[in-house]
Amino acid sequence: MTFQHPLYFLLLILIIPLIFHHYLLGKKKEHTIKMPTTRHLNGVSGGLRSKLVHLPFWLRIMTLVLLTIILARPQTSFSITEDETEGIDIMIAMDVSVSMLTNDFQPNRIEAAKKVAYDFIKNRPHDNIGLTLFGGEAFTQCPLTIDHTGLLSMFQNVSCDLQRQGIISSGTAIGMGIASAVSHLEGSKAKSKVIILLTDGENNTGDISPLMAAEMAKKMGVRVYTISLGNDGANRQQVAQLANGEYYEADIPHEENGHELEEIAKTTGGLYYRAETLAGLKKIYEEIDKLEKTKLSTININKRYEGYQIFAWFAIAFLLLEILLRTTYLRRIP
């Protein structure tokens, strides 16, 4: 709370002589009764009225204090200032094919990718961020949003079950994943539009080729950062579901897709990365975080509201209570 005219508080100095007059000089002017002796009053204690005799005076003092506060014009403020913050529009395109269950990352590739992306999202509170998932086909899990709480909640439910259970077709449609993400950035008015594409395989299905999707992104001014996930050599992967519901696993060599992903990044003005460890994946996201910074101007308005009302109500209440006590319960005669 602030005060428009704080100099009025100097009036509170006048309260000091009032208190001095009431307790010292006031007693000399009180009416007295002369009595031959006071022995018969010994042992008589003062009643409640005698204890409250000064209450009307202090109610008047409180009224004067509150009136002084009102004159000083108290105000509450809602501050909005002009500032600059960082923010861009980002679509995360993540591969959810069954190969992402490979455990060369702990506990597996999909969970490691989720954890790192989860931390990335939390560290960019001013960005519009969305999530596209792709396997043999692509779909949007969450459109661009500033509601990161809702986005992170959806992110926790990302898994490879859709493809493993046959809900979406098998394969890896990188081109479809990029195209789906680009479609959500089409209407963006942000100066910086980015797709972070993460996959562990090469494009082997889909109606749109990765390079065609990259050209679409380039025309819309969207940069694509591509991340190839996985270690070289053969890795244990689930390749089929048996009749009893169990999954058959086999050692599958890692399909290096670096050339294609590098071409996508180069076409759109992004960068290509290779992540073979969890630490390496974290470092990649940290580097992207540093690269993608855009200044956005925000205007904060400072509004002030009069705050005298509560003080006025208390001043009226104290004044009325003083008058009531002086004329009734604490009335003095003469």
C-alpha atoms as a PDB file:
ATOM      1  CA  MET A   1       0.000   0.000   0.000  1.00  0.00           C
ATOM      2  CA  THR A   2       1.236   3.487  -0.858  1.00  0.00           C
ATOM      3  CA  PHE A   3       0.115   6.993   0.179  1.00  0.00           C
ATOM      4  CA  GLN A   4      -0.473   9.838  -2.262  1.00  0.00           C
ATOM      5  CA  HIS A   5       0.036  12.592   0.376  1.00  0.00           C
ATOM      6  CA  PRO A   6       2.275  11.154   3.144  1.00  0.00           C
ATOM      7  CA  LEU A   7       3.010  14.626   4.619  1.00  0.00           C
ATOM      8  CA  TYR A   8      -0.379  14.518   6.308  1.00  0.00           C
ATOM      9  CA  PHE A   9       1.122  12.042   8.784  1.00  0.00           C
ATOM     10  CA  LEU A  10       2.838  15.025  10.409  1.00  0.00           C
ATOM     11  CA  LEU A  11      -0.572  15.861  11.897  1.00  0.00           C
ATOM     12  CA  LEU A  12      -0.134  12.843  14.194  1.00  0.00           C
ATOM     13  CA  ILE A  13       2.312  14.965  16.207  1.00  0.00           C
ATOM     14  CA  LEU A  14      -0.708  16.930  17.504  1.00  0.00           C
ATOM     15  CA  ILE A  15      -1.903  13.793  19.292  1.00  0.00           C
ATOM     16  CA  ILE A  16       0.950  14.099  21.807  1.00  0.00           C
ATOM     17  CA  PRO A  17      -0.356  17.350  23.450  1.00  0.00           C
ATOM     18  CA  LEU A  18      -3.876  15.860  23.498  1.00  0.00           C
ATOM     19  CA  ILE A  19      -2.644  12.859  25.491  1.00  0.00           C
ATOM     20  CA  PHE A  20      -0.642  15.191  27.786  1.00  0.00           C
ATOM     21  CA  HIS A  21      -3.680  17.387  28.392  1.00  0.00           C
ATOM     22  CA  HIS A  22      -5.976  14.430  29.080  1.00  0.00           C
ATOM     23  CA  TYR A  23      -3.801  12.693  31.675  1.00  0.00           C
ATOM     24  CA  LEU A  24      -2.131  15.628  33.394  1.00  0.00           C
ATOM     25  CA  LEU A  25      -4.028  18.892  32.982  1.00  0.00           C
ATOM     26  CA  GLY A  26      -7.414  17.258  32.664  1.00  0.00           C
ATOM     27  CA  LYS A  27      -7.372  15.938  36.235  1.00  0.00           C
ATOM     28  CA  LYS A  28      -7.105  19.462  37.672  1.00  0.00           C
ATOM     29  CA  LYS A  29     -10.403  20.446  36.046  1.00  0.00           C
ATOM     30  CA  GLU A  30     -12.357  17.423  37.287  1.00  0.00           C
ATOM     31  CA  HIS A  31     -15.179  18.072  39.802  1.00  0.00           C
ATOM     32  CA  THR A  32     -14.526  16.850  43.355  1.00  0.00           C
ATOM     33  CA  ILE A  33     -16.602  16.123  46.442  1.00  0.00           C
ATOM     34  CA  LYS A  34     -15.220  16.966  49.852  1.00  0.00           C
ATOM     35  CA  MET A  35     -15.780  14.303  52.516  1.00  0.00           C
ATOM     36  CA  PRO A  36     -14.808  14.370  56.231  1.00  0.00           C
ATOM     37  CA  THR A  37     -13.273  10.899  56.007  1.00  0.00           C
ATOM     38  CA  THR A  38     -12.754   8.060  53.520  1.00  0.00           C
ATOM     39  CA  ARG A  39     -12.391   5.239  56.046  1.00  0.00           C
ATOM     40  CA  HIS A  40     -15.687   3.689  55.032  1.00  0.00           C
ATOM     41  CA  LEU A  41     -14.421   3.411  51.431  1.00  0.00           C
ATOM     42  CA  ASN A  42     -11.385   1.307  52.392  1.00  0.00           C
ATOM     43  CA  GLY A  43     -11.385  -2.042  50.600  1.00  0.00           C
ATOM     44  CA  VAL A  44     -13.815  -0.900  47.932  1.00  0.00           C
ATOM     45  CA  SER A  45     -12.396  -1.751  44.526  1.00  0.00           C
ATOM     46  CA  GLY A  46     -13.142   0.184  41.369  1.00  0.00           C
ATOM     47  CA  GLY A  47     -15.824  -1.268  39.114  1.00  0.00           C
ATOM     48  CA  LEU A  48     -15.748  -1.888  35.371  1.00  0.00           C
ATOM     49  CA  ARG A  49     -16.746   1.706  34.665  1.00  0.00           C
ATOM     50  CA  SER A  50     -13.711   3.064  36.456  1.00  0.00           C
ATOM     51  CA  LYS A  51     -11.465   0.767  34.396  1.00  0.00           C
ATOM     52  CA  LEU A  52     -13.044   1.940  31.158  1.00  0.00           C
ATOM     53  CA  VAL A  53     -13.094   5.625  32.024  1.00  0.00           C
ATOM     54  CA  HIS A  54     -10.369   6.448  29.468  1.00  0.00           C
ATOM     55  CA  LEU A  55     -11.826   4.311  26.676  1.00  0.00           C
ATOM     56  CA  PRO A  56     -13.818   7.144  24.990  1.00  0.00           C
ATOM     57  CA  PHE A  57     -10.678   9.254  24.876  1.00  0.00           C
ATOM     58  CA  TRP A  58      -8.682   6.515  23.108  1.00  0.00           C
ATOM     59  CA  LEU A  59     -11.547   5.901  20.699  1.00  0.00           C
ATOM     60  CA  ARG A  60     -11.347   9.575  19.773  1.00  0.00           C
ATOM     61  CA  ILE A  61      -7.562   9.295  19.330  1.00  0.00           C
ATOM     62  CA  MET A  62      -8.026   6.252  17.037  1.00  0.00           C
ATOM     63  CA  THR A  63     -10.618   8.209  15.053  1.00  0.00           C
ATOM     64  CA  LEU A  64      -8.129  11.061  14.559  1.00  0.00           C
ATOM     65  CA  VAL A  65      -5.407   8.601  13.484  1.00  0.00           C
ATOM     66  CA  LEU A  66      -7.742   7.010  10.931  1.00  0.00           C
ATOM     67  CA  LEU A  67      -8.802  10.419   9.603  1.00  0.00           C
ATOM     68  CA  THR A  68      -5.131  11.304   9.157  1.00  0.00           C
ATOM     69  CA  ILE A  69      -4.581   8.084   7.177  1.00  0.00           C
ATOM     70  CA  ILE A  70      -7.565   8.949   4.985  1.00  0.00           C
ATOM     71  CA  LEU A  71      -6.143  12.435   4.323  1.00  0.00           C
ATOM     72  CA  ALA A  72      -2.850  10.811   3.299  1.00  0.00           C
ATOM     73  CA  ARG A  73      -4.881   9.002   0.596  1.00  0.00           C
ATOM     74  CA  PRO A  74      -3.910   5.329   0.862  1.00  0.00           C
ATOM     75  CA  GLN A  75      -3.785   3.444  -2.438  1.00  0.00           C
ATOM     76  CA  THR A  76      -3.324  -0.147  -3.477  1.00  0.00           C
ATOM     77  CA  SER A  77      -1.547  -0.782  -6.748  1.00  0.00           C
ATOM     78  CA  PHE A  78      -1.658  -3.385  -9.503  1.00  0.00           C
ATOM     79  CA  SER A  79       1.715  -3.023 -11.171  1.00  0.00           C
ATOM     80  CA  ILE A  80       2.210  -3.801 -14.862  1.00  0.00           C
ATOM     81  CA  THR A  81       5.500  -2.677 -16.365  1.00  0.00           C
ATOM     82  CA  GLU A  82       7.041  -2.872 -19.808  1.00  0.00           C
ATOM     83  CA  ASP A  83       9.585  -5.664 -19.997  1.00  0.00           C
ATOM     84  CA  GLU A  84      11.252  -8.076 -22.356  1.00  0.00           C
ATOM     85  CA  THR A  85      11.059 -11.841 -22.120  1.00  0.00           C
ATOM     86  CA  GLU A  86      12.189 -14.764 -24.229  1.00  0.00           C
ATOM     87  CA  GLY A  87       9.729 -16.923 -26.134  1.00  0.00           C
ATOM     88  CA  ILE A  88       9.277 -18.885 -29.361  1.00  0.00           C
ATOM     89  CA  ASP A  89       6.869 -21.462 -30.803  1.00  0.00           C
ATOM     90  CA  ILE A  90       8.190 -25.005 -30.546  1.00  0.00           C
ATOM     91  CA  MET A  91       6.736 -28.315 -31.701  1.00  0.00           C
ATOM     92  CA  ILE A  92       8.386 -31.449 -30.320  1.00  0.00           C
ATOM     93  CA  ALA A  93       8.040 -34.373 -32.757  1.00  0.00           C
ATOM     94  CA  MET A  94       8.840 -37.652 -31.014  1.00  0.00           C
ATOM     95  CA  ASP A  95       9.129 -41.141 -32.434  1.00  0.00           C
ATOM     96  CA  VAL A  96       6.933 -43.691 -30.573  1.00  0.00           C
ATOM     97  CA  SER A  97       7.673 -46.753 -32.690  1.00  0.00           C
ATOM     98  CA  VAL A  98       8.377 -49.990 -30.787  1.00  0.00           C
ATOM     99  CA  SER A  99      12.115 -49.648 -31.403  1.00  0.00           C
ATOM    100  CA  MET A 100      12.045 -46.800 -28.876  1.00  0.00           C
ATOM    101  CA  LEU A 101      11.634 -49.488 -26.181  1.00  0.00           C
ATOM    102  CA  THR A 102      15.255 -50.528 -26.707  1.00  0.00           C
ATOM    103  CA  ASN A 103      17.128 -50.421 -23.413  1.00  0.00           C
ATOM    104  CA  ASP A 104      20.496 -49.037 -24.545  1.00  0.00           C
ATOM    105  CA  PHE A 105      19.209 -45.967 -22.661  1.00  0.00           C
ATOM    106  CA  GLN A 106      17.897 -46.554 -19.155  1.00  0.00           C
ATOM    107  CA  PRO A 107      15.214 -47.669 -18.681  1.00  0.00           C
ATOM    108  CA  ASN A 108      14.678 -47.408 -22.466  1.00  0.00           C
ATOM    109  CA  ARG A 109      14.894 -44.870 -25.272  1.00  0.00           C
ATOM    110  CA  ILE A 110      11.352 -43.534 -25.005  1.00  0.00           C
ATOM    111  CA  GLU A 111      11.527 -42.905 -21.249  1.00  0.00           C
ATOM    112  CA  ALA A 112      14.955 -41.258 -21.524  1.00  0.00           C
ATOM    113  CA  ALA A 113      13.714 -39.015 -24.347  1.00  0.00           C
ATOM    114  CA  LYS A 114      10.625 -38.074 -22.329  1.00  0.00           C
ATOM    115  CA  LYS A 115      12.647 -37.170 -19.239  1.00  0.00           C
ATOM    116  CA  VAL A 116      15.034 -34.862 -21.094  1.00  0.00           C
ATOM    117  CA  ALA A 117      12.243 -33.210 -23.101  1.00  0.00           C
ATOM    118  CA  TYR A 118      10.216 -32.843 -19.877  1.00  0.00           C
ATOM    119  CA  ASP A 119      13.054 -30.844 -18.272  1.00  0.00           C
ATOM    120  CA  PHE A 120      13.458 -28.794 -21.464  1.00  0.00           C
ATOM    121  CA  ILE A 121       9.787 -27.767 -21.373  1.00  0.00           C
ATOM    122  CA  LYS A 122       9.919 -26.787 -17.693  1.00  0.00           C
ATOM    123  CA  ASN A 123      12.904 -24.521 -18.363  1.00  0.00           C
ATOM    124  CA  ARG A 124      11.053 -22.529 -21.068  1.00  0.00           C
ATOM    125  CA  PRO A 125       7.961 -21.094 -19.318  1.00  0.00           C
ATOM    126  CA  HIS A 126       7.410 -18.291 -21.868  1.00  0.00           C
ATOM    127  CA  ASP A 127       7.234 -20.496 -24.977  1.00  0.00           C
ATOM    128  CA  ASN A 128       4.269 -21.941 -26.809  1.00  0.00           C
ATOM    129  CA  ILE A 129       5.103 -25.638 -26.998  1.00  0.00           C
ATOM    130  CA  GLY A 130       3.236 -28.508 -28.631  1.00  0.00           C
ATOM    131  CA  LEU A 131       3.762 -32.254 -29.032  1.00  0.00           C
ATOM    132  CA  THR A 132       3.479 -34.441 -32.132  1.00  0.00           C
ATOM    133  CA  LEU A 133       3.942 -38.223 -31.973  1.00  0.00           C
ATOM    134  CA  PHE A 134       4.667 -40.486 -34.910  1.00  0.00           C
ATOM    135  CA  GLY A 135       5.199 -44.147 -35.687  1.00  0.00           C
ATOM    136  CA  GLY A 136       3.831 -45.533 -38.928  1.00  0.00           C
ATOM    137  CA  GLU A 137       1.570 -42.475 -38.935  1.00  0.00           C
ATOM    138  CA  ALA A 138       1.593 -39.133 -37.121  1.00  0.00           C
ATOM    139  CA  PHE A 139      -0.841 -37.379 -34.805  1.00  0.00           C
ATOM    140  CA  THR A 140      -0.823 -34.389 -32.473  1.00  0.00           C
ATOM    141  CA  GLN A 141      -0.854 -35.202 -28.774  1.00  0.00           C
ATOM    142  CA  CYS A 142      -0.995 -31.525 -27.749  1.00  0.00           C
ATOM    143  CA  PRO A 143      -1.249 -28.373 -29.934  1.00  0.00           C
ATOM    144  CA  LEU A 144       0.830 -25.278 -29.215  1.00  0.00           C
ATOM    145  CA  THR A 145       0.058 -24.074 -25.707  1.00  0.00           C
ATOM    146  CA  ILE A 146       1.464 -21.906 -22.936  1.00  0.00           C
ATOM    147  CA  ASP A 147      -0.273 -24.197 -20.431  1.00  0.00           C
ATOM    148  CA  HIS A 148       2.796 -26.260 -19.695  1.00  0.00           C
ATOM    149  CA  THR A 149       1.123 -27.991 -16.762  1.00  0.00           C
ATOM    150  CA  GLY A 150      -1.389 -29.613 -19.094  1.00  0.00           C
ATOM    151  CA  LEU A 151       1.316 -30.330 -21.685  1.00  0.00           C
ATOM    152  CA  LEU A 152       3.570 -32.059 -19.156  1.00  0.00           C
ATOM    153  CA  SER A 153       0.628 -34.102 -17.911  1.00  0.00           C
ATOM    154  CA  MET A 154       0.042 -35.368 -21.455  1.00  0.00           C
ATOM    155  CA  PHE A 155       3.770 -35.922 -21.890  1.00  0.00           C
ATOM    156  CA  GLN A 156       3.842 -38.377 -18.998  1.00  0.00           C
ATOM    157  CA  ASN A 157       1.361 -40.621 -20.828  1.00  0.00           C
ATOM    158  CA  VAL A 158       3.466 -40.881 -24.000  1.00  0.00           C
ATOM    159  CA  SER A 159       4.396 -44.510 -24.727  1.00  0.00           C
ATOM    160  CA  CYS A 160       4.947 -46.997 -27.527  1.00  0.00           C
ATOM    161  CA  ASP A 161       1.760 -48.898 -26.696  1.00  0.00           C
ATOM    162  CA  LEU A 162      -0.186 -47.431 -29.631  1.00  0.00           C
ATOM    163  CA  GLN A 163       2.060 -49.147 -32.139  1.00  0.00           C
ATOM    164  CA  ARG A 164       2.794 -52.188 -30.010  1.00  0.00           C
ATOM    165  CA  GLN A 165      -0.942 -52.862 -29.662  1.00  0.00           C
ATOM    166  CA  GLY A 166      -1.614 -52.239 -33.348  1.00  0.00           C
ATOM    167  CA  ILE A 167      -3.623 -49.025 -32.872  1.00  0.00           C
ATOM    168  CA  ILE A 168      -1.320 -47.188 -35.274  1.00  0.00           C
ATOM    169  CA  SER A 169       0.510 -48.837 -38.165  1.00  0.00           C
ATOM    170  CA  SER A 170       4.043 -50.162 -37.863  1.00  0.00           C
ATOM    171  CA  GLY A 171       7.104 -48.383 -39.205  1.00  0.00           C
ATOM    172  CA  THR A 172       8.633 -44.935 -38.820  1.00  0.00           C
ATOM    173  CA  ALA A 173       7.076 -42.083 -40.794  1.00  0.00           C
ATOM    174  CA  ILE A 174       9.520 -39.226 -40.186  1.00  0.00           C
ATOM    175  CA  GLY A 175       8.099 -37.166 -43.055  1.00  0.00           C
ATOM    176  CA  MET A 176       4.576 -37.451 -41.639  1.00  0.00           C
ATOM    177  CA  GLY A 177       5.851 -36.408 -38.206  1.00  0.00           C
ATOM    178  CA  ILE A 178       7.462 -33.256 -39.615  1.00  0.00           C
ATOM    179  CA  ALA A 179       4.410 -32.420 -41.740  1.00  0.00           C
ATOM    180  CA  SER A 180       2.069 -32.791 -38.772  1.00  0.00           C
ATOM    181  CA  ALA A 181       4.238 -30.516 -36.638  1.00  0.00           C
ATOM    182  CA  VAL A 182       4.547 -27.943 -39.449  1.00  0.00           C
ATOM    183  CA  SER A 183       0.760 -27.785 -39.814  1.00  0.00           C
ATOM    184  CA  HIS A 184       0.480 -26.568 -36.215  1.00  0.00           C
ATOM    185  CA  LEU A 185       3.076 -23.854 -36.786  1.00  0.00           C
ATOM    186  CA  GLU A 186       1.421 -22.628 -39.985  1.00  0.00           C
ATOM    187  CA  GLY A 187      -0.704 -19.980 -38.265  1.00  0.00           C
ATOM    188  CA  SER A 188       2.009 -18.965 -35.790  1.00  0.00           C
ATOM    189  CA  LYS A 189       2.889 -15.257 -35.699  1.00  0.00           C
ATOM    190  CA  ALA A 190       6.079 -15.849 -33.736  1.00  0.00           C
ATOM    191  CA  LYS A 191       9.310 -14.638 -35.294  1.00  0.00           C
ATOM    192  CA  SER A 192      10.968 -17.942 -34.428  1.00  0.00           C
ATOM    193  CA  LYS A 193       9.308 -21.296 -35.192  1.00  0.00           C
ATOM    194  CA  VAL A 194      11.079 -24.541 -34.379  1.00  0.00           C
ATOM    195  CA  ILE A 195      10.566 -28.292 -34.596  1.00  0.00           C
ATOM    196  CA  ILE A 196      12.675 -30.634 -32.466  1.00  0.00           C
ATOM    197  CA  LEU A 197      12.508 -34.041 -34.139  1.00  0.00           C
ATOM    198  CA  LEU A 198      13.710 -37.090 -32.220  1.00  0.00           C
ATOM    199  CA  THR A 199      13.820 -40.569 -33.755  1.00  0.00           C
ATOM    200  CA  ASP A 200      15.860 -43.779 -33.528  1.00  0.00           C
ATOM    201  CA  GLY A 201      15.123 -45.128 -37.006  1.00  0.00           C
ATOM    202  CA  GLU A 202      15.005 -44.222 -40.666  1.00  0.00           C
ATOM    203  CA  ASN A 203      11.926 -43.269 -42.644  1.00  0.00           C
ATOM    204  CA  ASN A 204      10.303 -46.416 -44.069  1.00  0.00           C
ATOM    205  CA  THR A 205       6.632 -45.525 -44.463  1.00  0.00           C
ATOM    206  CA  GLY A 206       4.231 -42.601 -44.841  1.00  0.00           C
ATOM    207  CA  ASP A 207       2.730 -40.576 -47.702  1.00  0.00           C
ATOM    208  CA  ILE A 208       5.181 -37.675 -47.323  1.00  0.00           C
ATOM    209  CA  SER A 209       8.933 -38.109 -47.629  1.00  0.00           C
ATOM    210  CA  PRO A 210      11.167 -36.456 -45.016  1.00  0.00           C
ATOM    211  CA  LEU A 211      12.804 -34.137 -47.580  1.00  0.00           C
ATOM    212  CA  MET A 212       9.418 -33.084 -48.954  1.00  0.00           C
ATOM    213  CA  ALA A 213       8.291 -32.279 -45.401  1.00  0.00           C
ATOM    214  CA  ALA A 214      11.538 -30.369 -44.888  1.00  0.00           C
ATOM    215  CA  GLU A 215      10.760 -28.218 -47.920  1.00  0.00           C
ATOM    216  CA  MET A 216       7.325 -27.488 -46.438  1.00  0.00           C
ATOM    217  CA  ALA A 217       8.969 -26.395 -43.202  1.00  0.00           C
ATOM    218  CA  LYS A 218      11.461 -24.211 -45.072  1.00  0.00           C
ATOM    219  CA  LYS A 219       8.681 -22.359 -46.934  1.00  0.00           C
ATOM    220  CA  MET A 220       6.962 -21.565 -43.645  1.00  0.00           C
ATOM    221  CA  GLY A 221      10.156 -20.384 -41.977  1.00  0.00           C
ATOM    222  CA  VAL A 222      10.333 -23.342 -39.594  1.00  0.00           C
ATOM    223  CA  ARG A 223      13.727 -24.617 -38.453  1.00  0.00           C
ATOM    224  CA  VAL A 224      14.011 -28.340 -37.754  1.00  0.00           C
ATOM    225  CA  TYR A 225      16.523 -29.650 -35.235  1.00  0.00           C
ATOM    226  CA  THR A 226      16.949 -33.381 -35.783  1.00  0.00           C
ATOM    227  CA  ILE A 227      18.190 -35.843 -33.150  1.00  0.00           C
ATOM    228  CA  SER A 228      19.206 -39.419 -33.956  1.00  0.00           C
ATOM    229  CA  LEU A 229      18.887 -41.574 -30.842  1.00  0.00           C
ATOM    230  CA  GLY A 230      20.633 -44.898 -30.212  1.00  0.00           C
ATOM    231  CA  ASN A 231      23.940 -46.746 -30.042  1.00  0.00           C
ATOM    232  CA  ASP A 232      25.732 -48.405 -32.906  1.00  0.00           C
ATOM    233  CA  GLY A 233      25.526 -52.181 -33.196  1.00  0.00           C
ATOM    234  CA  ALA A 234      22.724 -54.628 -32.455  1.00  0.00           C
ATOM    235  CA  ASN A 235      20.233 -53.882 -29.688  1.00  0.00           C
ATOM    236  CA  ARG A 236      17.592 -56.083 -28.088  1.00  0.00           C
ATOM    237  CA  GLN A 237      14.151 -55.005 -29.349  1.00  0.00           C
ATOM    238  CA  GLN A 238      10.560 -56.261 -29.324  1.00  0.00           C
ATOM    239  CA  VAL A 239       9.722 -57.326 -32.844  1.00  0.00           C
ATOM    240  CA  ALA A 240       6.449 -59.293 -32.547  1.00  0.00           C
ATOM    241  CA  GLN A 241       3.662 -60.248 -30.173  1.00  0.00           C
ATOM    242  CA  LEU A 242       3.019 -63.942 -29.655  1.00  0.00           C
ATOM    243  CA  ALA A 243      -0.413 -65.544 -29.405  1.00  0.00           C
ATOM    244  CA  ASN A 244      -0.142 -65.774 -25.618  1.00  0.00           C
ATOM    245  CA  GLY A 245       0.353 -62.021 -25.392  1.00  0.00           C
ATOM    246  CA  GLU A 246       4.096 -62.130 -24.793  1.00  0.00           C
ATOM    247  CA  TYR A 247       6.488 -60.146 -26.970  1.00  0.00           C
ATOM    248  CA  TYR A 248       9.234 -61.768 -29.011  1.00  0.00           C
ATOM    249  CA  GLU A 249      12.589 -60.003 -28.805  1.00  0.00           C
ATOM    250  CA  ALA A 250      15.567 -60.146 -31.124  1.00  0.00           C
ATOM    251  CA  ASP A 251      18.892 -58.388 -31.629  1.00  0.00           C
ATOM    252  CA  ILE A 252      18.296 -55.726 -34.278  1.00  0.00           C
ATOM    253  CA  PRO A 253      21.145 -53.634 -35.718  1.00  0.00           C
ATOM    254  CA  HIS A 254      20.713 -49.878 -35.295  1.00  0.00           C
ATOM    255  CA  GLU A 255      19.678 -48.297 -38.586  1.00  0.00           C
ATOM    256  CA  GLU A 256      21.777 -45.161 -38.959  1.00  0.00           C
ATOM    257  CA  ASN A 257      19.628 -42.365 -40.382  1.00  0.00           C
ATOM    258  CA  GLY A 258      22.133 -39.567 -39.946  1.00  0.00           C
ATOM    259  CA  HIS A 259      22.414 -38.565 -43.613  1.00  0.00           C
ATOM    260  CA  GLU A 260      18.668 -38.077 -44.044  1.00  0.00           C
ATOM    261  CA  LEU A 261      18.261 -36.235 -40.749  1.00  0.00           C
ATOM    262  CA  GLU A 262      21.236 -34.041 -41.560  1.00  0.00           C
ATOM    263  CA  GLU A 263      19.657 -33.110 -44.899  1.00  0.00           C
ATOM    264  CA  ILE A 264      16.397 -32.189 -43.149  1.00  0.00           C
ATOM    265  CA  ALA A 265      18.226 -29.923 -40.705  1.00  0.00           C
ATOM    266  CA  LYS A 266      20.367 -28.350 -43.432  1.00  0.00           C
ATOM    267  CA  THR A 267      17.333 -27.639 -45.640  1.00  0.00           C
ATOM    268  CA  THR A 268      15.459 -25.825 -42.868  1.00  0.00           C
ATOM    269  CA  GLY A 269      18.387 -23.982 -41.281  1.00  0.00           C
ATOM    270  CA  GLY A 270      18.462 -26.234 -38.225  1.00  0.00           C
ATOM    271  CA  LEU A 271      21.117 -28.588 -36.895  1.00  0.00           C
ATOM    272  CA  TYR A 272      21.595 -32.352 -36.770  1.00  0.00           C
ATOM    273  CA  TYR A 273      22.642 -34.148 -33.574  1.00  0.00           C
ATOM    274  CA  ARG A 274      23.535 -37.704 -32.641  1.00  0.00           C
ATOM    275  CA  ALA A 275      22.733 -38.886 -29.093  1.00  0.00           C
ATOM    276  CA  GLU A 276      24.287 -42.171 -27.919  1.00  0.00           C
ATOM    277  CA  THR A 277      23.955 -41.574 -24.175  1.00  0.00           C
ATOM    278  CA  LEU A 278      21.511 -39.888 -21.822  1.00  0.00           C
ATOM    279  CA  ALA A 279      24.131 -37.281 -20.925  1.00  0.00           C
ATOM    280  CA  GLY A 280      24.663 -36.592 -24.610  1.00  0.00           C
ATOM    281  CA  LEU A 281      20.921 -36.151 -25.162  1.00  0.00           C
ATOM    282  CA  LYS A 282      20.710 -33.682 -22.273  1.00  0.00           C
ATOM    283  CA  LYS A 283      23.619 -31.701 -23.735  1.00  0.00           C
ATOM    284  CA  ILE A 284      21.853 -31.525 -27.108  1.00  0.00           C
ATOM    285  CA  TYR A 285      18.682 -30.065 -25.560  1.00  0.00           C
ATOM    286  CA  GLU A 286      20.795 -27.600 -23.576  1.00  0.00           C
ATOM    287  CA  GLU A 287      22.470 -26.449 -26.782  1.00  0.00           C
ATOM    288  CA  ILE A 288      19.125 -26.022 -28.557  1.00  0.00           C
ATOM    289  CA  ASP A 289      17.879 -24.098 -25.540  1.00  0.00           C
ATOM    290  CA  LYS A 290      20.791 -21.662 -25.858  1.00  0.00           C
ATOM    291  CA  LEU A 291      20.405 -21.295 -29.630  1.00  0.00           C
ATOM    292  CA  GLU A 292      16.694 -20.569 -29.634  1.00  0.00           C
ATOM    293  CA  LYS A 293      16.196 -17.300 -27.755  1.00  0.00           C
ATOM    294  CA  THR A 294      13.887 -14.543 -28.998  1.00  0.00           C
ATOM    295  CA  LYS A 295      13.106 -11.279 -27.218  1.00  0.00           C
ATOM    296  CA  LEU A 296       9.404 -10.565 -26.825  1.00  0.00           C
ATOM    297  CA  SER A 297       8.228  -7.184 -25.558  1.00  0.00           C
ATOM    298  CA  THR A 298       5.556  -7.256 -22.865  1.00  0.00           C
ATOM    299  CA  ILE A 299       3.691  -4.214 -21.501  1.00  0.00           C
ATOM    300  CA  ASN A 300       2.856  -4.092 -17.808  1.00  0.00           C
ATOM    301  CA  ILE A 301       0.326  -1.442 -16.733  1.00  0.00           C
ATOM    302  CA  ASN A 302       0.448   0.117 -13.287  1.00  0.00           C
ATOM    303  CA  LYS A 303      -3.049   0.688 -11.899  1.00  0.00           C
ATOM    304  CA  ARG A 304      -3.798   2.301  -8.552  1.00  0.00           C
ATOM    305  CA  TYR A 305      -6.959   1.875  -6.517  1.00  0.00           C
ATOM    306  CA  GLU A 306      -8.162   4.050  -3.620  1.00  0.00           C
ATOM    307  CA  GLY A 307      -7.832   2.190  -0.325  1.00  0.00           C
ATOM    308  CA  TYR A 308      -9.373   4.648   2.147  1.00  0.00           C
ATOM    309  CA  GLN A 309     -12.725   2.853   2.468  1.00  0.00           C
ATOM    310  CA  ILE A 310     -11.730   0.403   5.209  1.00  0.00           C
ATOM    311  CA  PHE A 311     -10.176   3.222   7.270  1.00  0.00           C
ATOM    312  CA  ALA A 312     -13.298   5.376   6.849  1.00  0.00           C
ATOM    313  CA  TRP A 313     -15.588   2.594   8.087  1.00  0.00           C
ATOM    314  CA  PHE A 314     -13.437   2.045  11.184  1.00  0.00           C
ATOM    315  CA  ALA A 315     -13.271   5.806  11.870  1.00  0.00           C
ATOM    316  CA  ILE A 316     -17.091   6.045  11.769  1.00  0.00           C
ATOM    317  CA  ALA A 317     -17.407   2.986  13.999  1.00  0.00           C
ATOM    318  CA  PHE A 318     -14.953   4.349  16.615  1.00  0.00           C
ATOM    319  CA  LEU A 319     -16.646   7.768  16.626  1.00  0.00           C
ATOM    320  CA  LEU A 320     -20.125   6.311  17.080  1.00  0.00           C
ATOM    321  CA  LEU A 321     -18.878   3.995  19.827  1.00  0.00           C
ATOM    322  CA  GLU A 322     -17.293   6.924  21.662  1.00  0.00           C
ATOM    323  CA  ILE A 323     -20.504   8.965  21.495  1.00  0.00           C
ATOM    324  CA  LEU A 324     -22.543   5.969  22.653  1.00  0.00           C
ATOM    325  CA  LEU A 325     -20.301   5.270  25.656  1.00  0.00           C
ATOM    326  CA  ARG A 326     -20.084   8.934  26.696  1.00  0.00           C
ATOM    327  CA  THR A 327     -23.841   9.362  26.664  1.00  0.00           C
ATOM    328  CA  THR A 328     -24.803   6.042  28.238  1.00  0.00           C
ATOM    329  CA  TYR A 329     -22.625   3.585  30.153  1.00  0.00           C
ATOM    330  CA  LEU A 330     -19.683   5.936  30.811  1.00  0.00           C
ATOM    331  CA  ARG A 331     -21.699   9.106  31.210  1.00  0.00           C
ATOM    332  CA  ARG A 332     -20.194  11.418  33.838  1.00  0.00           C
ATOM    333  CA  ILE A 333     -22.186  13.799  36.050  1.00  0.00           C
ATOM    334  CA  PRO A 334     -21.757  16.668  36.011  1.00  0.00           C
END
